[in-house]
Protein backbone atom coordinates (compact mmCIF):
# COMPACT_ATOMS: atom_id res chain seq x y z
CA MET A 1 232.63 162.39 212.22
CA ALA A 2 230.06 164.48 210.37
CA TYR A 3 228.60 165.81 213.63
CA THR A 4 232.09 166.87 214.66
CA LEU A 5 232.44 168.80 211.42
CA CYS A 6 229.13 170.56 212.13
CA PHE A 7 230.44 171.48 215.57
CA LEU A 8 233.71 172.72 214.04
CA LEU A 9 231.80 174.84 211.53
CA PHE A 10 229.71 176.27 214.36
CA MET A 11 232.85 177.07 216.37
CA ILE A 12 234.39 178.86 213.36
CA GLY A 13 231.26 181.00 213.10
CA LEU A 14 231.30 181.67 216.84
CA TYR A 15 234.95 182.71 216.63
CA CYS A 16 234.14 185.15 213.83
CA ALA A 17 231.18 186.60 215.69
CA VAL A 18 233.01 187.06 219.00
CA VAL A 19 236.61 187.92 218.13
CA LYS A 20 236.45 189.90 214.87
CA LYS A 21 236.09 193.69 214.97
CA ASN A 22 234.67 194.19 211.46
CA MET A 23 230.87 194.25 211.33
CA VAL A 24 230.73 192.41 208.01
CA LYS A 25 232.88 189.59 209.41
CA ILE A 26 230.61 189.39 212.44
CA VAL A 27 227.57 189.03 210.16
CA LEU A 28 229.38 186.31 208.19
CA GLY A 29 230.16 184.50 211.45
CA ILE A 30 226.51 184.58 212.47
CA MET A 31 225.46 183.21 209.07
CA ILE A 32 228.06 180.41 209.32
CA MET A 33 226.61 179.46 212.72
CA GLU A 34 223.09 179.37 211.28
CA TYR A 35 224.19 177.15 208.39
CA ALA A 36 226.00 174.81 210.79
CA VAL A 37 222.81 174.39 212.82
CA ASN A 38 220.81 173.76 209.62
CA LEU A 39 223.30 171.12 208.51
CA PHE A 40 223.14 169.47 211.94
CA LEU A 41 219.33 169.33 211.83
CA ILE A 42 219.33 167.79 208.36
CA MET A 43 221.85 165.18 209.48
CA LEU A 44 219.67 164.26 212.45
CA GLY A 45 216.82 163.23 210.17
CA TYR A 46 218.98 161.37 207.62
CA PHE A 47 220.05 157.75 207.48
CA HIS A 48 221.68 155.66 204.77
CA ASP A 49 219.35 154.22 202.10
CA GLY A 50 216.38 156.16 203.44
CA VAL A 51 213.47 156.95 201.17
CA ALA A 52 211.35 160.08 200.97
CA PRO A 53 208.24 159.85 203.18
CA ILE A 54 205.79 160.02 200.29
CA ILE A 55 203.14 157.32 200.38
CA ASP A 56 201.94 155.84 197.10
CA ARG A 57 199.62 152.92 196.43
CA SER A 58 202.31 150.26 196.80
CA GLU A 59 202.97 151.21 200.46
CA PHE A 60 199.32 151.60 201.44
CA ASP A 61 197.21 148.58 202.29
CA ALA A 62 193.62 149.45 201.33
CA GLN A 63 192.03 146.62 203.30
CA THR A 64 193.48 147.50 206.68
CA GLN A 65 193.96 151.24 205.98
CA THR A 66 197.56 151.08 207.24
CA VAL A 67 201.02 151.70 205.87
CA THR A 68 203.39 148.75 205.58
CA ALA A 69 206.05 148.38 208.25
CA GLN A 70 208.83 148.19 205.67
CA PHE A 71 207.98 151.67 204.40
CA LEU A 72 207.83 153.05 207.93
CA ASN A 73 211.23 151.58 208.79
CA SER A 74 212.93 152.82 205.62
CA SER A 75 211.55 156.38 205.34
CA VAL A 76 213.46 159.37 206.68
CA ASP A 77 212.05 161.81 209.21
CA PRO A 78 210.50 164.85 207.44
CA LEU A 79 210.35 167.07 210.54
CA PRO A 80 214.01 168.26 210.44
CA GLN A 81 213.58 169.10 206.76
CA ALA A 82 210.56 171.26 207.55
CA LEU A 83 212.41 172.93 210.43
CA VAL A 84 215.38 173.72 208.19
CA LEU A 85 213.16 175.20 205.48
CA THR A 86 211.62 177.48 208.09
CA SER A 87 215.05 178.30 209.46
CA ILE A 88 216.34 179.26 206.00
CA VAL A 89 213.52 181.78 205.59
CA ILE A 90 214.15 183.23 209.05
CA SER A 91 217.90 183.44 208.44
CA LEU A 92 217.29 185.26 205.17
CA GLY A 93 215.25 187.86 207.04
CA SER A 94 217.86 188.23 209.77
CA LEU A 95 220.61 188.53 207.13
CA ALA A 96 218.72 191.36 205.43
CA LEU A 97 218.27 193.10 208.79
CA LEU A 98 221.94 192.72 209.75
CA ILE A 99 223.17 193.98 206.39
CA SER A 100 220.84 196.97 206.55
CA ILE A 101 222.18 197.78 210.03
CA CYS A 102 225.74 197.52 208.66
CA ILE A 103 224.90 199.84 205.76
CA ARG A 104 223.24 202.44 208.00
CA THR A 105 226.15 202.30 210.44
CA TYR A 106 228.65 202.77 207.61
CA GLU A 107 226.66 205.74 206.29
CA LYS A 108 226.74 207.38 209.71
CA TYR A 109 230.29 206.60 210.87
CA GLY A 110 232.14 205.78 207.63
CA THR A 111 233.66 202.55 208.96
CA PHE A 112 232.78 198.94 209.75
CA ASP A 113 235.24 198.68 212.69
CA ILE A 114 233.28 198.42 215.94
CA THR A 115 236.12 199.81 218.09
CA GLU A 116 236.32 202.87 215.84
CA ILE A 117 232.54 203.30 216.01
CA ARG A 118 232.68 203.21 219.81
CA ARG A 119 235.49 205.80 219.79
CA LEU A 120 233.60 208.10 217.39
CA ARG A 121 230.43 207.82 219.43
CA GLY A 122 232.03 209.52 222.38
């Protein structure tokens, strides 16, 4: 059910990015798609009653230099969390770029409507 909601959120963002004519709404649609992908990645690495993958002395066996199997079976996967943190930083940069493009376009043409911008361009 939760994966379906991620897909629905992605489809809402795709609808905004493809169908809308306002540049600000297009940017919002792209951001919604990015957040839907981030949510999907976090959900891939999560499971119920999972623990953070931080090893302390109780999970580490000093004699055999190994981690107990119970800890390995109950810890969540940290890779999707690292990917999402990287993705958040990249999406922040792309959001700044898209908003600056919107601002410069508005300064030049005086509108956010892409059909009007195409008409004014000639």
